[in-house]
Amino acid sequence: MNFTEEQAKAFWPVYRDYAHEQQQIGDQRVALIKDYAANYDKIDDTQADSYIQRAVKYDDEVASLRKKYIPKFKKAIGARQTAKFLQV
């Protein structure tokens, strides 16, 4: 992404906050995958439902995070650059 100096100054602090929150959500995903892999051969329907709900929760949290940060990115770098960023 080619930012102007002004955009870069506005973007990177927002991005750092976004990446930090994204990592926390990602850690939950990794924990889910490890848990599922460790119990793959012995899960029952109740556990399977729990994995499903945790996976959906992860997806919801990722979407919520993006929605939360879109206005912040748009303010920092504008709508066109934000759209470009979200596609990367």
PDB file of N, CA and C in Angstrom:
ATOM      1  N   MET A   1       0.847  -1.173   0.000  1.00  0.00           N
ATOM      2  CA  MET A   1       0.000   0.000   0.000  1.00  0.00           C
ATOM      3  C   MET A   1       0.893   1.237   0.000  1.00  0.00           C
ATOM      4  N   ASN A   2       0.538   2.153  -0.816  1.00  0.00           N
ATOM      5  CA  ASN A   2       1.312   3.385  -0.934  1.00  0.00           C
ATOM      6  C   ASN A   2       0.606   4.504  -0.197  1.00  0.00           C
ATOM      7  N   PHE A   3       1.080   4.766   1.010  1.00  0.00           N
ATOM      8  CA  PHE A   3       0.496   5.822   1.818  1.00  0.00           C
ATOM      9  C   PHE A   3       1.274   7.116   1.647  1.00  0.00           C
ATOM     10  N   THR A   4       0.548   8.209   1.757  1.00  0.00           N
ATOM     11  CA  THR A   4       1.232   9.480   1.905  1.00  0.00           C
ATOM     12  C   THR A   4       1.819   9.503   3.310  1.00  0.00           C
ATOM     13  N   GLU A   5       2.688  10.429   3.567  1.00  0.00           N
ATOM     14  CA  GLU A   5       3.269  10.525   4.904  1.00  0.00           C
ATOM     15  C   GLU A   5       2.174  10.761   5.943  1.00  0.00           C
ATOM     16  N   GLU A   6       1.214  11.595   5.617  1.00  0.00           N
ATOM     17  CA  GLU A   6       0.114  11.886   6.541  1.00  0.00           C
ATOM     18  C   GLU A   6      -0.738  10.639   6.792  1.00  0.00           C
ATOM     19  N   GLN A   7      -1.036   9.898   5.730  1.00  0.00           N
ATOM     20  CA  GLN A   7      -1.805   8.664   5.889  1.00  0.00           C
ATOM     21  C   GLN A   7      -1.054   7.648   6.737  1.00  0.00           C
ATOM     22  N   ALA A   8       0.230   7.503   6.500  1.00  0.00           N
ATOM     23  CA  ALA A   8       1.033   6.542   7.258  1.00  0.00           C
ATOM     24  C   ALA A   8       1.012   6.875   8.743  1.00  0.00           C
ATOM     25  N   LYS A   9       1.149   8.143   9.064  1.00  0.00           N
ATOM     26  CA  LYS A   9       1.123   8.557  10.469  1.00  0.00           C
ATOM     27  C   LYS A   9      -0.215   8.237  11.112  1.00  0.00           C
ATOM     28  N   ALA A  10      -1.281   8.338  10.358  1.00  0.00           N
ATOM     29  CA  ALA A  10      -2.615   8.051  10.891  1.00  0.00           C
ATOM     30  C   ALA A  10      -2.914   6.553  10.895  1.00  0.00           C
ATOM     31  N   PHE A  11      -2.425   5.844   9.874  1.00  0.00           N
ATOM     32  CA  PHE A  11      -2.766   4.427   9.702  1.00  0.00           C
ATOM     33  C   PHE A  11      -2.085   3.515  10.711  1.00  0.00           C
ATOM     34  N   TRP A  12      -0.772   3.641  10.871  1.00  0.00           N
ATOM     35  CA  TRP A  12      -0.016   2.647  11.624  1.00  0.00           C
ATOM     36  C   TRP A  12      -0.427   2.526  13.085  1.00  0.00           C
ATOM     37  N   PRO A  13      -0.744   3.575  13.785  1.00  0.00           N
ATOM     38  CA  PRO A  13      -1.226   3.377  15.160  1.00  0.00           C
ATOM     39  C   PRO A  13      -2.557   2.618  15.214  1.00  0.00           C
ATOM     40  N   VAL A  14      -3.441   2.922  14.267  1.00  0.00           N
ATOM     41  CA  VAL A  14      -4.721   2.204  14.216  1.00  0.00           C
ATOM     42  C   VAL A  14      -4.465   0.740  13.877  1.00  0.00           C
ATOM     43  N   TYR A  15      -3.586   0.514  12.913  1.00  0.00           N
ATOM     44  CA  TYR A  15      -3.282  -0.854  12.525  1.00  0.00           C
ATOM     45  C   TYR A  15      -2.683  -1.656  13.673  1.00  0.00           C
ATOM     46  N   ARG A  16      -1.790  -1.060  14.441  1.00  0.00           N
ATOM     47  CA  ARG A  16      -1.190  -1.774  15.578  1.00  0.00           C
ATOM     48  C   ARG A  16      -2.264  -2.221  16.568  1.00  0.00           C
ATOM     49  N   ASP A  17      -3.203  -1.335  16.856  1.00  0.00           N
ATOM     50  CA  ASP A  17      -4.304  -1.706  17.761  1.00  0.00           C
ATOM     51  C   ASP A  17      -5.145  -2.832  17.160  1.00  0.00           C
ATOM     52  N   TYR A  18      -5.445  -2.703  15.871  1.00  0.00           N
ATOM     53  CA  TYR A  18      -6.227  -3.716  15.165  1.00  0.00           C
ATOM     54  C   TYR A  18      -5.499  -5.067  15.188  1.00  0.00           C
ATOM     55  N   ALA A  19      -4.219  -5.057  14.869  1.00  0.00           N
ATOM     56  CA  ALA A  19      -3.442  -6.297  14.830  1.00  0.00           C
ATOM     57  C   ALA A  19      -3.369  -6.951  16.204  1.00  0.00           C
ATOM     58  N   HIS A  20      -3.258  -6.136  17.238  1.00  0.00           N
ATOM     59  CA  HIS A  20      -3.223  -6.680  18.601  1.00  0.00           C
ATOM     60  C   HIS A  20      -4.530  -7.400  18.923  1.00  0.00           C
ATOM     61  N   GLU A  21      -5.645  -6.766  18.620  1.00  0.00           N
ATOM     62  CA  GLU A  21      -6.941  -7.409  18.879  1.00  0.00           C
ATOM     63  C   GLU A  21      -7.134  -8.623  17.987  1.00  0.00           C
ATOM     64  N   GLN A  22      -6.661  -8.522  16.753  1.00  0.00           N
ATOM     65  CA  GLN A  22      -6.772  -9.639  15.815  1.00  0.00           C
ATOM     66  C   GLN A  22      -5.974 -10.844  16.324  1.00  0.00           C
ATOM     67  N   GLN A  23      -4.827 -10.584  16.896  1.00  0.00           N
ATOM     68  CA  GLN A  23      -3.995 -11.666  17.434  1.00  0.00           C
ATOM     69  C   GLN A  23      -4.687 -12.361  18.604  1.00  0.00           C
ATOM     70  N   GLN A  24      -5.335 -11.595  19.453  1.00  0.00           N
ATOM     71  CA  GLN A  24      -6.046 -12.195  20.580  1.00  0.00           C
ATOM     72  C   GLN A  24      -7.156 -13.115  20.083  1.00  0.00           C
ATOM     73  N   ILE A  25      -7.869 -12.683  19.073  1.00  0.00           N
ATOM     74  CA  ILE A  25      -8.918 -13.528  18.493  1.00  0.00           C
ATOM     75  C   ILE A  25      -8.289 -14.749  17.834  1.00  0.00           C
ATOM     76  N   GLY A  26      -7.188 -14.547  17.136  1.00  0.00           N
ATOM     77  CA  GLY A  26      -6.489 -15.653  16.479  1.00  0.00           C
ATOM     78  C   GLY A  26      -5.989 -16.691  17.460  1.00  0.00           C
ATOM     79  N   ASP A  27      -5.566 -16.234  18.636  1.00  0.00           N
ATOM     80  CA  ASP A  27      -5.120 -17.174  19.667  1.00  0.00           C
ATOM     81  C   ASP A  27      -6.255 -18.112  20.071  1.00  0.00           C
ATOM     82  N   GLN A  28      -7.466 -17.592  20.109  1.00  0.00           N
ATOM     83  CA  GLN A  28      -8.629 -18.431  20.425  1.00  0.00           C
ATOM     84  C   GLN A  28      -8.828 -19.482  19.334  1.00  0.00           C
ATOM     85  N   ARG A  29      -8.626 -19.084  18.090  1.00  0.00           N
ATOM     86  CA  ARG A  29      -8.774 -20.008  16.959  1.00  0.00           C
ATOM     87  C   ARG A  29      -7.738 -21.123  17.042  1.00  0.00           C
ATOM     88  N   VAL A  30      -6.515 -20.760  17.346  1.00  0.00           N
ATOM     89  CA  VAL A  30      -5.447 -21.759  17.477  1.00  0.00           C
ATOM     90  C   VAL A  30      -5.777 -22.736  18.603  1.00  0.00           C
ATOM     91  N   ALA A  31      -6.259 -22.207  19.715  1.00  0.00           N
ATOM     92  CA  ALA A  31      -6.631 -23.071  20.846  1.00  0.00           C
ATOM     93  C   ALA A  31      -7.738 -24.032  20.436  1.00  0.00           C
ATOM     94  N   LEU A  32      -8.707 -23.547  19.675  1.00  0.00           N
ATOM     95  CA  LEU A  32      -9.801 -24.403  19.198  1.00  0.00           C
ATOM     96  C   LEU A  32      -9.263 -25.510  18.302  1.00  0.00           C
ATOM     97  N   ILE A  33      -8.402 -25.171  17.391  1.00  0.00           N
ATOM     98  CA  ILE A  33      -7.839 -26.168  16.471  1.00  0.00           C
ATOM     99  C   ILE A  33      -7.040 -27.224  17.232  1.00  0.00           C
ATOM    100  N   LYS A  34      -6.223 -26.769  18.170  1.00  0.00           N
ATOM    101  CA  LYS A  34      -5.433 -27.718  18.965  1.00  0.00           C
ATOM    102  C   LYS A  34      -6.331 -28.632  19.788  1.00  0.00           C
ATOM    103  N   ASP A  35      -7.350 -28.065  20.384  1.00  0.00           N
ATOM    104  CA  ASP A  35      -8.286 -28.851  21.192  1.00  0.00           C
ATOM    105  C   ASP A  35      -8.999 -29.886  20.322  1.00  0.00           C
ATOM    106  N   TYR A  36      -9.463 -29.442  19.166  1.00  0.00           N
ATOM    107  CA  TYR A  36     -10.154 -30.350  18.254  1.00  0.00           C
ATOM    108  C   TYR A  36      -9.218 -31.466  17.791  1.00  0.00           C
ATOM    109  N   ALA A  37      -8.000 -31.100  17.410  1.00  0.00           N
ATOM    110  CA  ALA A  37      -7.044 -32.101  16.925  1.00  0.00           C
ATOM    111  C   ALA A  37      -6.700 -33.120  18.017  1.00  0.00           C
ATOM    112  N   ALA A  38      -6.574 -32.649  19.240  1.00  0.00           N
ATOM    113  CA  ALA A  38      -6.230 -33.546  20.346  1.00  0.00           C
ATOM    114  C   ALA A  38      -7.352 -34.525  20.662  1.00  0.00           C
ATOM    115  N   ASN A  39      -8.579 -34.153  20.326  1.00  0.00           N
ATOM    116  CA  ASN A  39      -9.739 -34.979  20.678  1.00  0.00           C
ATOM    117  C   ASN A  39     -10.495 -35.512  19.467  1.00  0.00           C
ATOM    118  N   TYR A  40      -9.926 -35.373  18.304  1.00  0.00           N
ATOM    119  CA  TYR A  40     -10.594 -35.698  17.047  1.00  0.00           C
ATOM    120  C   TYR A  40     -11.258 -37.071  17.036  1.00  0.00           C
ATOM    121  N   ASP A  41     -10.566 -38.067  17.499  1.00  0.00           N
ATOM    122  CA  ASP A  41     -11.066 -39.440  17.417  1.00  0.00           C
ATOM    123  C   ASP A  41     -12.067 -39.809  18.499  1.00  0.00           C
ATOM    124  N   LYS A  42     -12.251 -38.939  19.473  1.00  0.00           N
ATOM    125  CA  LYS A  42     -13.101 -39.339  20.591  1.00  0.00           C
ATOM    126  C   LYS A  42     -14.185 -38.335  20.966  1.00  0.00           C
ATOM    127  N   ILE A  43     -14.474 -37.383  20.079  1.00  0.00           N
ATOM    128  CA  ILE A  43     -15.504 -36.402  20.438  1.00  0.00           C
ATOM    129  C   ILE A  43     -16.900 -36.987  20.252  1.00  0.00           C
ATOM    130  N   ASP A  44     -17.791 -36.566  21.122  1.00  0.00           N
ATOM    131  CA  ASP A  44     -19.193 -36.957  20.986  1.00  0.00           C
ATOM    132  C   ASP A  44     -19.963 -35.771  20.399  1.00  0.00           C
ATOM    133  N   ASP A  45     -21.250 -35.941  20.232  1.00  0.00           N
ATOM    134  CA  ASP A  45     -22.057 -34.881  19.619  1.00  0.00           C
ATOM    135  C   ASP A  45     -22.058 -33.588  20.437  1.00  0.00           C
ATOM    136  N   THR A  46     -22.055 -33.695  21.743  1.00  0.00           N
ATOM    137  CA  THR A  46     -22.036 -32.505  22.594  1.00  0.00           C
ATOM    138  C   THR A  46     -20.745 -31.726  22.387  1.00  0.00           C
ATOM    139  N   GLN A  47     -19.636 -32.441  22.365  1.00  0.00           N
ATOM    140  CA  GLN A  47     -18.349 -31.780  22.128  1.00  0.00           C
ATOM    141  C   GLN A  47     -18.280 -31.203  20.714  1.00  0.00           C
ATOM    142  N   ALA A  48     -18.805 -31.944  19.758  1.00  0.00           N
ATOM    143  CA  ALA A  48     -18.814 -31.456  18.374  1.00  0.00           C
ATOM    144  C   ALA A  48     -19.615 -30.162  18.280  1.00  0.00           C
ATOM    145  N   ASP A  49     -20.754 -30.126  18.934  1.00  0.00           N
ATOM    146  CA  ASP A  49     -21.547 -28.887  18.949  1.00  0.00           C
ATOM    147  C   ASP A  49     -20.775 -27.737  19.581  1.00  0.00           C
ATOM    148  N   SER A  50     -20.024 -28.041  20.627  1.00  0.00           N
ATOM    149  CA  SER A  50     -19.204 -27.017  21.269  1.00  0.00           C
ATOM    150  C   SER A  50     -18.159 -26.479  20.296  1.00  0.00           C
ATOM    151  N   TYR A  51     -17.510 -27.354  19.546  1.00  0.00           N
ATOM    152  CA  TYR A  51     -16.528 -26.920  18.559  1.00  0.00           C
ATOM    153  C   TYR A  51     -17.188 -26.051  17.490  1.00  0.00           C
ATOM    154  N   ILE A  52     -18.360 -26.458  17.055  1.00  0.00           N
ATOM    155  CA  ILE A  52     -19.089 -25.680  16.052  1.00  0.00           C
ATOM    156  C   ILE A  52     -19.387 -24.280  16.582  1.00  0.00           C
ATOM    157  N   GLN A  53     -19.900 -24.205  17.798  1.00  0.00           N
ATOM    158  CA  GLN A  53     -20.234 -22.904  18.386  1.00  0.00           C
ATOM    159  C   GLN A  53     -18.993 -22.043  18.572  1.00  0.00           C
ATOM    160  N   ARG A  54     -17.900 -22.645  18.974  1.00  0.00           N
ATOM    161  CA  ARG A  54     -16.650 -21.889  19.140  1.00  0.00           C
ATOM    162  C   ARG A  54     -16.134 -21.387  17.798  1.00  0.00           C
ATOM    163  N   ALA A  55     -16.273 -22.192  16.767  1.00  0.00           N
ATOM    164  CA  ALA A  55     -15.837 -21.772  15.428  1.00  0.00           C
ATOM    165  C   ALA A  55     -16.687 -20.606  14.925  1.00  0.00           C
ATOM    166  N   VAL A  56     -17.989 -20.689  15.135  1.00  0.00           N
ATOM    167  CA  VAL A  56     -18.885 -19.607  14.721  1.00  0.00           C
ATOM    168  C   VAL A  56     -18.597 -18.341  15.527  1.00  0.00           C
ATOM    169  N   LYS A  57     -18.326 -18.510  16.809  1.00  0.00           N
ATOM    170  CA  LYS A  57     -17.981 -17.366  17.659  1.00  0.00           C
ATOM    171  C   LYS A  57     -16.719 -16.687  17.132  1.00  0.00           C
ATOM    172  N   TYR A  58     -15.743 -17.476  16.743  1.00  0.00           N
ATOM    173  CA  TYR A  58     -14.513 -16.926  16.168  1.00  0.00           C
ATOM    174  C   TYR A  58     -14.838 -16.094  14.924  1.00  0.00           C
ATOM    175  N   ASP A  59     -15.626 -16.667  14.018  1.00  0.00           N
ATOM    176  CA  ASP A  59     -15.998 -15.944  12.801  1.00  0.00           C
ATOM    177  C   ASP A  59     -16.717 -14.637  13.137  1.00  0.00           C
ATOM    178  N   ASP A  60     -17.621 -14.685  14.094  1.00  0.00           N
ATOM    179  CA  ASP A  60     -18.351 -13.479  14.515  1.00  0.00           C
ATOM    180  C   ASP A  60     -17.402 -12.430  15.088  1.00  0.00           C
ATOM    181  N   GLU A  61     -16.447 -12.868  15.876  1.00  0.00           N
ATOM    182  CA  GLU A  61     -15.506 -11.929  16.488  1.00  0.00           C
ATOM    183  C   GLU A  61     -14.604 -11.286  15.433  1.00  0.00           C
ATOM    184  N   VAL A  62     -14.201 -12.045  14.439  1.00  0.00           N
ATOM    185  CA  VAL A  62     -13.398 -11.482  13.350  1.00  0.00           C
ATOM    186  C   VAL A  62     -14.213 -10.433  12.602  1.00  0.00           C
ATOM    187  N   ALA A  63     -15.455 -10.759  12.285  1.00  0.00           N
ATOM    188  CA  ALA A  63     -16.314  -9.810  11.577  1.00  0.00           C
ATOM    189  C   ALA A  63     -16.569  -8.562  12.423  1.00  0.00           C
ATOM    190  N   SER A  64     -16.809  -8.746  13.702  1.00  0.00           N
ATOM    191  CA  SER A  64     -17.047  -7.605  14.596  1.00  0.00           C
ATOM    192  C   SER A  64     -15.817  -6.709  14.685  1.00  0.00           C
ATOM    193  N   LEU A  65     -14.654  -7.318  14.742  1.00  0.00           N
ATOM    194  CA  LEU A  65     -13.426  -6.532  14.801  1.00  0.00           C
ATOM    195  C   LEU A  65     -13.268  -5.690  13.539  1.00  0.00           C
ATOM    196  N   ARG A  66     -13.498  -6.289  12.398  1.00  0.00           N
ATOM    197  CA  ARG A  66     -13.397  -5.539  11.140  1.00  0.00           C
ATOM    198  C   ARG A  66     -14.395  -4.393  11.127  1.00  0.00           C
ATOM    199  N   LYS A  67     -15.625  -4.663  11.533  1.00  0.00           N
ATOM    200  CA  LYS A  67     -16.646  -3.609  11.573  1.00  0.00           C
ATOM    201  C   LYS A  67     -16.249  -2.489  12.531  1.00  0.00           C
ATOM    202  N   LYS A  68     -15.657  -2.853  13.648  1.00  0.00           N
ATOM    203  CA  LYS A  68     -15.232  -1.868  14.639  1.00  0.00           C
ATOM    204  C   LYS A  68     -14.139  -0.950  14.074  1.00  0.00           C
ATOM    205  N   TYR A  69     -13.239  -1.517  13.297  1.00  0.00           N
ATOM    206  CA  TYR A  69     -12.089  -0.750  12.829  1.00  0.00           C
ATOM    207  C   TYR A  69     -12.288  -0.074  11.478  1.00  0.00           C
ATOM    208  N   ILE A  70     -13.269  -0.455  10.711  1.00  0.00           N
ATOM    209  CA  ILE A  70     -13.481   0.177   9.405  1.00  0.00           C
ATOM    210  C   ILE A  70     -13.610   1.694   9.528  1.00  0.00           C
ATOM    211  N   PRO A  71     -14.437   2.220  10.437  1.00  0.00           N
ATOM    212  CA  PRO A  71     -14.508   3.685  10.543  1.00  0.00           C
ATOM    213  C   PRO A  71     -13.178   4.317  10.936  1.00  0.00           C
ATOM    214  N   LYS A  72     -12.404   3.634  11.757  1.00  0.00           N
ATOM    215  CA  LYS A  72     -11.099   4.163  12.173  1.00  0.00           C
ATOM    216  C   LYS A  72     -10.130   4.195  10.996  1.00  0.00           C
ATOM    217  N   PHE A  73     -10.133   3.137  10.194  1.00  0.00           N
ATOM    218  CA  PHE A  73      -9.267   3.121   9.024  1.00  0.00           C
ATOM    219  C   PHE A  73      -9.720   4.156   7.995  1.00  0.00           C
ATOM    220  N   LYS A  74     -11.025   4.259   7.800  1.00  0.00           N
ATOM    221  CA  LYS A  74     -11.527   5.251   6.847  1.00  0.00           C
ATOM    222  C   LYS A  74     -11.137   6.662   7.265  1.00  0.00           C
ATOM    223  N   LYS A  75     -11.190   6.928   8.545  1.00  0.00           N
ATOM    224  CA  LYS A  75     -10.799   8.248   9.030  1.00  0.00           C
ATOM    225  C   LYS A  75      -9.306   8.483   8.786  1.00  0.00           C
ATOM    226  N   ALA A  76      -8.512   7.438   8.964  1.00  0.00           N
ATOM    227  CA  ALA A  76      -7.065   7.560   8.827  1.00  0.00           C
ATOM    228  C   ALA A  76      -6.615   7.649   7.370  1.00  0.00           C
ATOM    229  N   ILE A  77      -7.198   6.814   6.504  1.00  0.00           N
ATOM    230  CA  ILE A  77      -6.671   6.705   5.137  1.00  0.00           C
ATOM    231  C   ILE A  77      -7.722   6.836   4.042  1.00  0.00           C
ATOM    232  N   GLY A  78      -8.967   7.056   4.402  1.00  0.00           N
ATOM    233  CA  GLY A  78     -10.018   7.201   3.401  1.00  0.00           C
ATOM    234  C   GLY A  78     -10.630   5.862   3.007  1.00  0.00           C
ATOM    235  N   ALA A  79     -11.776   5.944   2.366  1.00  0.00           N
ATOM    236  CA  ALA A  79     -12.532   4.736   2.005  1.00  0.00           C
ATOM    237  C   ALA A  79     -11.816   3.885   0.957  1.00  0.00           C
ATOM    238  N   ARG A  80     -11.232   4.512  -0.057  1.00  0.00           N
ATOM    239  CA  ARG A  80     -10.573   3.741  -1.122  1.00  0.00           C
ATOM    240  C   ARG A  80      -9.403   2.935  -0.580  1.00  0.00           C
ATOM    241  N   GLN A  81      -8.573   3.568   0.231  1.00  0.00           N
ATOM    242  CA  GLN A  81      -7.428   2.860   0.800  1.00  0.00           C
ATOM    243  C   GLN A  81      -7.894   1.799   1.800  1.00  0.00           C
ATOM    244  N   THR A  82      -8.951   2.080   2.525  1.00  0.00           N
ATOM    245  CA  THR A  82      -9.490   1.093   3.475  1.00  0.00           C
ATOM    246  C   THR A  82      -9.990  -0.133   2.726  1.00  0.00           C
ATOM    247  N   ALA A  83     -10.685   0.086   1.624  1.00  0.00           N
ATOM    248  CA  ALA A  83     -11.150  -1.052   0.807  1.00  0.00           C
ATOM    249  C   ALA A  83      -9.966  -1.863   0.305  1.00  0.00           C
ATOM    250  N   LYS A  84      -8.931  -1.191  -0.122  1.00  0.00           N
ATOM    251  CA  LYS A  84      -7.731  -1.871  -0.594  1.00  0.00           C
ATOM    252  C   LYS A  84      -7.086  -2.676   0.546  1.00  0.00           C
ATOM    253  N   PHE A  85      -6.991  -2.066   1.703  1.00  0.00           N
ATOM    254  CA  PHE A  85      -6.419  -2.738   2.864  1.00  0.00           C
ATOM    255  C   PHE A  85      -7.207  -4.005   3.226  1.00  0.00           C
ATOM    256  N   LEU A  86      -8.517  -3.915   3.211  1.00  0.00           N
ATOM    257  CA  LEU A  86      -9.342  -5.049   3.581  1.00  0.00           C
ATOM    258  C   LEU A  86      -9.241  -6.199   2.576  1.00  0.00           C
ATOM    259  N   GLN A  87      -8.853  -5.910   1.372  1.00  0.00           N
ATOM    260  CA  GLN A  87      -8.706  -6.953   0.361  1.00  0.00           C
ATOM    261  C   GLN A  87      -7.380  -7.690   0.471  1.00  0.00           C
ATOM    262  N   VAL A  88      -6.421  -7.088   1.125  1.00  0.00           N
ATOM    263  CA  VAL A  88      -5.084  -7.688   1.226  1.00  0.00           C
ATOM    264  C   VAL A  88      -5.085  -8.842   2.186  1.00  0.00           C
TER     265      VAL A  88
END
